[in-house]
Amino acid sequence: MSLKAQPIEITLHTISVSQSSNVQIGDSNTQDVKVSTETHDLARLVTDLTNHSDELNLDARQKQRAEAQIAALRADLAGEEPDPTIVRQAGRTLRRITDGAIGSLLATAATQPAVW
């Protein structure tokens, strides 16, 4: 895995809606945020996810999806320059998977405190 010092930039679009009876969606309600990460940080994330994925207690389907995204990131990092689109999509999928796993762990802790 080649580690380059060149950052990867990803642009995120966020829509924020507070309590209101009159909500308008349009350009004035979006916020562009550029997130930059170094390739070696992304490589470390891939390594950490690989080493600790069993701790998330994912079902077979979610584990397969997580492993596929980790493999996509690993393959992308092996190339010349990581593709921000691949990084963004794999990151979103991994976030959904880990958010679900963490939510399940918290629900278990709340309903079965003796487990912890």
N, C-alpha and C. Protein backbone atom coordinates (compact mmCIF):
# COMPACT_ATOMS: atom_id res chain seq x y z
N MET A 1 0.85 -1.17 0.00
CA MET A 1 0.00 0.00 0.00
C MET A 1 0.90 1.23 0.00
N SER A 2 0.76 2.06 -0.98
CA SER A 2 1.55 3.26 -1.13
C SER A 2 0.94 4.39 -0.30
N LEU A 3 1.76 5.03 0.54
CA LEU A 3 1.26 6.11 1.37
C LEU A 3 1.76 7.43 0.82
N LYS A 4 0.88 8.27 0.37
CA LYS A 4 1.22 9.56 -0.20
C LYS A 4 0.75 10.67 0.74
N ALA A 5 1.44 11.79 0.69
CA ALA A 5 1.11 12.90 1.57
C ALA A 5 0.01 13.79 1.01
N GLN A 6 -0.48 13.47 -0.18
CA GLN A 6 -1.49 14.31 -0.83
C GLN A 6 -2.86 14.07 -0.19
N PRO A 7 -3.54 15.12 0.27
CA PRO A 7 -4.84 14.94 0.91
C PRO A 7 -5.94 14.59 -0.09
N ILE A 8 -6.95 13.93 0.40
CA ILE A 8 -8.14 13.60 -0.37
C ILE A 8 -9.21 14.60 0.05
N GLU A 9 -9.82 15.28 -0.91
CA GLU A 9 -10.87 16.25 -0.57
C GLU A 9 -12.22 15.69 -0.97
N ILE A 10 -13.16 15.79 -0.05
CA ILE A 10 -14.53 15.33 -0.27
C ILE A 10 -15.45 16.49 0.09
N THR A 11 -16.39 16.80 -0.79
CA THR A 11 -17.36 17.85 -0.51
C THR A 11 -18.66 17.22 -0.04
N LEU A 12 -19.13 17.65 1.11
CA LEU A 12 -20.37 17.14 1.67
C LEU A 12 -21.44 18.22 1.56
N HIS A 13 -22.66 17.82 1.29
CA HIS A 13 -23.78 18.76 1.23
C HIS A 13 -24.73 18.42 2.37
N THR A 14 -25.03 19.40 3.19
CA THR A 14 -25.87 19.19 4.35
C THR A 14 -27.07 20.12 4.27
N ILE A 15 -28.25 19.58 4.56
CA ILE A 15 -29.44 20.41 4.66
C ILE A 15 -29.86 20.39 6.12
N SER A 16 -29.99 21.56 6.69
CA SER A 16 -30.36 21.68 8.09
C SER A 16 -31.77 22.25 8.19
N VAL A 17 -32.65 21.54 8.87
CA VAL A 17 -34.02 21.99 9.04
C VAL A 17 -34.34 21.98 10.54
N SER A 18 -34.71 23.14 11.06
CA SER A 18 -35.10 23.20 12.46
C SER A 18 -36.62 23.15 12.54
N GLN A 19 -37.15 23.16 13.74
CA GLN A 19 -38.60 23.13 13.89
C GLN A 19 -39.21 24.35 13.22
N SER A 20 -40.11 24.08 12.30
CA SER A 20 -40.73 25.17 11.57
C SER A 20 -41.96 24.64 10.86
N SER A 21 -42.94 25.50 10.69
CA SER A 21 -44.12 25.10 9.94
C SER A 21 -44.01 25.52 8.48
N ASN A 22 -42.98 26.30 8.17
CA ASN A 22 -42.79 26.78 6.81
C ASN A 22 -41.34 26.52 6.41
N VAL A 23 -41.09 25.35 5.86
CA VAL A 23 -39.73 24.95 5.49
C VAL A 23 -39.57 25.10 3.99
N GLN A 24 -38.52 25.76 3.59
CA GLN A 24 -38.21 25.91 2.17
C GLN A 24 -36.86 25.24 1.91
N ILE A 25 -36.84 24.38 0.92
CA ILE A 25 -35.60 23.73 0.54
C ILE A 25 -35.08 24.43 -0.71
N GLY A 26 -33.85 24.83 -0.67
CA GLY A 26 -33.25 25.51 -1.81
C GLY A 26 -31.78 25.74 -1.56
N ASP A 27 -31.14 26.46 -2.46
CA ASP A 27 -29.71 26.69 -2.35
C ASP A 27 -29.31 27.40 -1.06
N SER A 28 -30.19 28.24 -0.54
CA SER A 28 -29.84 28.98 0.66
C SER A 28 -29.81 28.09 1.90
N ASN A 29 -30.34 26.87 1.80
CA ASN A 29 -30.37 25.96 2.93
C ASN A 29 -29.27 24.91 2.89
N THR A 30 -28.33 25.03 1.99
CA THR A 30 -27.26 24.04 1.91
C THR A 30 -25.96 24.64 2.40
N GLN A 31 -25.13 23.76 2.87
CA GLN A 31 -23.83 24.18 3.36
C GLN A 31 -22.79 23.24 2.77
N ASP A 32 -21.81 23.78 2.09
CA ASP A 32 -20.74 22.96 1.53
C ASP A 32 -19.61 22.90 2.54
N VAL A 33 -19.16 21.68 2.80
CA VAL A 33 -18.07 21.48 3.72
C VAL A 33 -17.02 20.63 3.01
N LYS A 34 -15.81 21.12 2.97
CA LYS A 34 -14.73 20.33 2.38
C LYS A 34 -13.96 19.67 3.50
N VAL A 35 -13.87 18.35 3.42
CA VAL A 35 -13.15 17.57 4.40
C VAL A 35 -11.90 17.05 3.72
N SER A 36 -10.79 17.22 4.37
CA SER A 36 -9.54 16.76 3.78
C SER A 36 -8.89 15.77 4.73
N THR A 37 -8.43 14.66 4.19
CA THR A 37 -7.74 13.68 5.00
C THR A 37 -6.51 13.21 4.26
N GLU A 38 -5.51 12.87 4.99
CA GLU A 38 -4.27 12.37 4.39
C GLU A 38 -4.45 10.89 4.05
N THR A 39 -3.76 10.45 3.01
CA THR A 39 -3.86 9.07 2.57
C THR A 39 -3.45 8.10 3.67
N HIS A 40 -2.42 8.44 4.44
CA HIS A 40 -1.99 7.53 5.51
C HIS A 40 -3.05 7.41 6.61
N ASP A 41 -3.84 8.46 6.84
CA ASP A 41 -4.93 8.38 7.82
C ASP A 41 -6.02 7.44 7.33
N LEU A 42 -6.32 7.51 6.05
CA LEU A 42 -7.31 6.62 5.46
C LEU A 42 -6.82 5.18 5.50
N ALA A 43 -5.54 4.97 5.23
CA ALA A 43 -4.96 3.63 5.30
C ALA A 43 -5.05 3.07 6.72
N ARG A 44 -4.84 3.93 7.70
CA ARG A 44 -4.95 3.48 9.10
C ARG A 44 -6.39 3.11 9.44
N LEU A 45 -7.35 3.90 8.94
CA LEU A 45 -8.76 3.59 9.15
C LEU A 45 -9.09 2.21 8.57
N VAL A 46 -8.62 1.94 7.37
CA VAL A 46 -8.86 0.64 6.73
C VAL A 46 -8.27 -0.48 7.58
N THR A 47 -7.07 -0.28 8.07
CA THR A 47 -6.42 -1.29 8.91
C THR A 47 -7.20 -1.50 10.21
N ASP A 48 -7.60 -0.41 10.85
CA ASP A 48 -8.36 -0.51 12.11
C ASP A 48 -9.71 -1.20 11.90
N LEU A 49 -10.41 -0.84 10.82
CA LEU A 49 -11.69 -1.50 10.53
C LEU A 49 -11.49 -2.99 10.28
N THR A 50 -10.44 -3.33 9.57
CA THR A 50 -10.15 -4.74 9.30
C THR A 50 -9.87 -5.49 10.60
N ASN A 51 -9.06 -4.90 11.45
CA ASN A 51 -8.65 -5.56 12.70
C ASN A 51 -9.77 -5.65 13.73
N HIS A 52 -10.75 -4.76 13.67
CA HIS A 52 -11.77 -4.71 14.73
C HIS A 52 -13.19 -4.96 14.23
N SER A 53 -13.35 -5.38 13.00
CA SER A 53 -14.71 -5.56 12.46
C SER A 53 -15.49 -6.64 13.21
N ASP A 54 -14.82 -7.66 13.73
CA ASP A 54 -15.53 -8.71 14.48
C ASP A 54 -16.15 -8.18 15.77
N GLU A 55 -15.59 -7.11 16.32
CA GLU A 55 -16.10 -6.54 17.56
C GLU A 55 -17.46 -5.87 17.38
N LEU A 56 -17.85 -5.61 16.14
CA LEU A 56 -19.13 -4.95 15.88
C LEU A 56 -20.30 -5.93 15.89
N ASN A 57 -20.02 -7.22 15.92
CA ASN A 57 -21.07 -8.24 15.92
C ASN A 57 -22.08 -8.06 14.79
N LEU A 58 -21.56 -7.87 13.59
CA LEU A 58 -22.43 -7.67 12.43
C LEU A 58 -23.04 -8.98 11.99
N ASP A 59 -24.26 -8.92 11.44
CA ASP A 59 -24.84 -10.13 10.86
C ASP A 59 -24.06 -10.44 9.57
N ALA A 60 -24.29 -11.60 9.00
CA ALA A 60 -23.51 -12.06 7.85
C ALA A 60 -23.58 -11.09 6.67
N ARG A 61 -24.76 -10.57 6.39
CA ARG A 61 -24.94 -9.66 5.25
C ARG A 61 -24.20 -8.34 5.47
N GLN A 62 -24.33 -7.78 6.67
CA GLN A 62 -23.65 -6.52 6.97
C GLN A 62 -22.13 -6.71 6.97
N LYS A 63 -21.68 -7.83 7.50
CA LYS A 63 -20.24 -8.10 7.51
C LYS A 63 -19.71 -8.21 6.08
N GLN A 64 -20.46 -8.87 5.22
CA GLN A 64 -20.07 -9.00 3.82
C GLN A 64 -20.00 -7.62 3.15
N ARG A 65 -20.99 -6.78 3.42
CA ARG A 65 -21.00 -5.42 2.86
C ARG A 65 -19.80 -4.61 3.37
N ALA A 66 -19.52 -4.71 4.68
CA ALA A 66 -18.39 -3.97 5.25
C ALA A 66 -17.08 -4.44 4.64
N GLU A 67 -16.91 -5.75 4.52
CA GLU A 67 -15.68 -6.29 3.94
C GLU A 67 -15.51 -5.85 2.49
N ALA A 68 -16.61 -5.76 1.74
CA ALA A 68 -16.53 -5.31 0.34
C ALA A 68 -16.09 -3.85 0.27
N GLN A 69 -16.61 -3.01 1.17
CA GLN A 69 -16.22 -1.59 1.17
C GLN A 69 -14.77 -1.42 1.60
N ILE A 70 -14.35 -2.21 2.59
CA ILE A 70 -12.95 -2.15 3.04
C ILE A 70 -12.04 -2.59 1.90
N ALA A 71 -12.42 -3.63 1.17
CA ALA A 71 -11.62 -4.10 0.03
C ALA A 71 -11.56 -3.03 -1.06
N ALA A 72 -12.67 -2.33 -1.29
CA ALA A 72 -12.68 -1.26 -2.29
C ALA A 72 -11.73 -0.13 -1.89
N LEU A 73 -11.76 0.23 -0.61
CA LEU A 73 -10.85 1.28 -0.14
C LEU A 73 -9.40 0.82 -0.24
N ARG A 74 -9.14 -0.41 0.16
CA ARG A 74 -7.77 -0.94 0.10
C ARG A 74 -7.26 -0.93 -1.35
N ALA A 75 -8.10 -1.37 -2.28
CA ALA A 75 -7.70 -1.39 -3.70
C ALA A 75 -7.47 0.03 -4.21
N ASP A 76 -8.33 0.96 -3.81
CA ASP A 76 -8.19 2.34 -4.25
C ASP A 76 -6.91 2.97 -3.69
N LEU A 77 -6.57 2.64 -2.46
CA LEU A 77 -5.36 3.18 -1.85
C LEU A 77 -4.09 2.62 -2.49
N ALA A 78 -4.19 1.47 -3.12
CA ALA A 78 -3.03 0.85 -3.75
C ALA A 78 -2.68 1.55 -5.07
N GLY A 79 -3.59 2.33 -5.62
CA GLY A 79 -3.37 3.02 -6.89
C GLY A 79 -2.56 4.29 -6.72
N GLU A 80 -2.45 5.00 -7.82
CA GLU A 80 -1.71 6.26 -7.87
C GLU A 80 -2.24 7.28 -6.87
N GLU A 81 -3.52 7.58 -7.02
CA GLU A 81 -4.16 8.60 -6.19
C GLU A 81 -5.58 8.14 -5.88
N PRO A 82 -5.97 8.11 -4.61
CA PRO A 82 -7.32 7.65 -4.27
C PRO A 82 -8.40 8.49 -4.96
N ASP A 83 -9.43 7.82 -5.42
CA ASP A 83 -10.55 8.48 -6.09
C ASP A 83 -11.53 8.97 -5.02
N PRO A 84 -11.75 10.27 -4.91
CA PRO A 84 -12.65 10.79 -3.87
C PRO A 84 -14.06 10.21 -3.94
N THR A 85 -14.53 9.88 -5.13
CA THR A 85 -15.87 9.31 -5.27
C THR A 85 -15.94 7.94 -4.62
N ILE A 86 -14.92 7.12 -4.84
CA ILE A 86 -14.88 5.78 -4.23
C ILE A 86 -14.76 5.91 -2.72
N VAL A 87 -13.89 6.79 -2.27
CA VAL A 87 -13.68 7.00 -0.83
C VAL A 87 -14.98 7.46 -0.18
N ARG A 88 -15.66 8.41 -0.81
CA ARG A 88 -16.90 8.96 -0.26
C ARG A 88 -17.98 7.87 -0.17
N GLN A 89 -18.17 7.12 -1.25
CA GLN A 89 -19.22 6.10 -1.26
C GLN A 89 -18.93 4.98 -0.27
N ALA A 90 -17.70 4.50 -0.25
CA ALA A 90 -17.33 3.45 0.70
C ALA A 90 -17.47 3.96 2.13
N GLY A 91 -17.07 5.20 2.35
CA GLY A 91 -17.18 5.79 3.69
C GLY A 91 -18.63 5.91 4.14
N ARG A 92 -19.51 6.32 3.23
CA ARG A 92 -20.93 6.43 3.59
C ARG A 92 -21.51 5.06 3.95
N THR A 93 -21.18 4.07 3.15
CA THR A 93 -21.70 2.73 3.42
C THR A 93 -21.17 2.20 4.74
N LEU A 94 -19.87 2.36 4.98
CA LEU A 94 -19.29 1.90 6.25
C LEU A 94 -19.88 2.66 7.43
N ARG A 95 -20.16 3.92 7.25
CA ARG A 95 -20.77 4.69 8.34
C ARG A 95 -22.16 4.15 8.68
N ARG A 96 -22.97 3.88 7.65
CA ARG A 96 -24.30 3.33 7.90
C ARG A 96 -24.21 1.99 8.63
N ILE A 97 -23.27 1.16 8.22
CA ILE A 97 -23.11 -0.16 8.84
C ILE A 97 -22.67 0.00 10.30
N THR A 98 -21.66 0.83 10.54
CA THR A 98 -21.17 0.98 11.91
C THR A 98 -22.17 1.73 12.79
N ASP A 99 -22.89 2.70 12.23
CA ASP A 99 -23.94 3.38 13.01
C ASP A 99 -24.99 2.38 13.47
N GLY A 100 -25.40 1.49 12.58
CA GLY A 100 -26.38 0.47 12.94
C GLY A 100 -25.86 -0.47 14.01
N ALA A 101 -24.61 -0.87 13.88
CA ALA A 101 -24.02 -1.77 14.87
C ALA A 101 -23.89 -1.10 16.23
N ILE A 102 -23.46 0.13 16.24
CA ILE A 102 -23.32 0.87 17.51
C ILE A 102 -24.69 1.11 18.13
N GLY A 103 -25.68 1.44 17.31
CA GLY A 103 -27.05 1.61 17.82
C GLY A 103 -27.56 0.33 18.46
N SER A 104 -27.28 -0.81 17.85
CA SER A 104 -27.71 -2.09 18.42
C SER A 104 -27.02 -2.35 19.75
N LEU A 105 -25.72 -2.03 19.81
CA LEU A 105 -24.99 -2.22 21.07
C LEU A 105 -25.56 -1.34 22.18
N LEU A 106 -25.88 -0.09 21.84
CA LEU A 106 -26.45 0.82 22.84
C LEU A 106 -27.84 0.36 23.28
N ALA A 107 -28.64 -0.14 22.34
CA ALA A 107 -29.97 -0.63 22.70
C ALA A 107 -29.86 -1.84 23.62
N THR A 108 -28.91 -2.70 23.35
CA THR A 108 -28.70 -3.87 24.21
C THR A 108 -28.27 -3.42 25.60
N ALA A 109 -27.37 -2.44 25.65
CA ALA A 109 -26.90 -1.94 26.95
C ALA A 109 -28.05 -1.32 27.74
N ALA A 110 -28.95 -0.64 27.06
CA ALA A 110 -30.06 0.02 27.75
C ALA A 110 -31.11 -0.96 28.24
N THR A 111 -31.35 -2.01 27.45
CA THR A 111 -32.41 -2.95 27.82
C THR A 111 -31.91 -4.14 28.62
N GLN A 112 -30.61 -4.40 28.55
CA GLN A 112 -30.03 -5.53 29.28
C GLN A 112 -28.74 -5.09 29.98
N PRO A 113 -28.84 -4.27 31.00
CA PRO A 113 -27.64 -3.75 31.65
C PRO A 113 -26.74 -4.83 32.23
N ALA A 114 -27.29 -6.00 32.53
CA ALA A 114 -26.47 -7.06 33.08
C ALA A 114 -25.45 -7.58 32.08
N VAL A 115 -25.71 -7.39 30.78
CA VAL A 115 -24.79 -7.82 29.74
C VAL A 115 -23.46 -7.06 29.85
N TRP A 116 -23.54 -5.80 30.30
CA TRP A 116 -22.34 -4.97 30.36
C TRP A 116 -21.74 -5.05 31.74
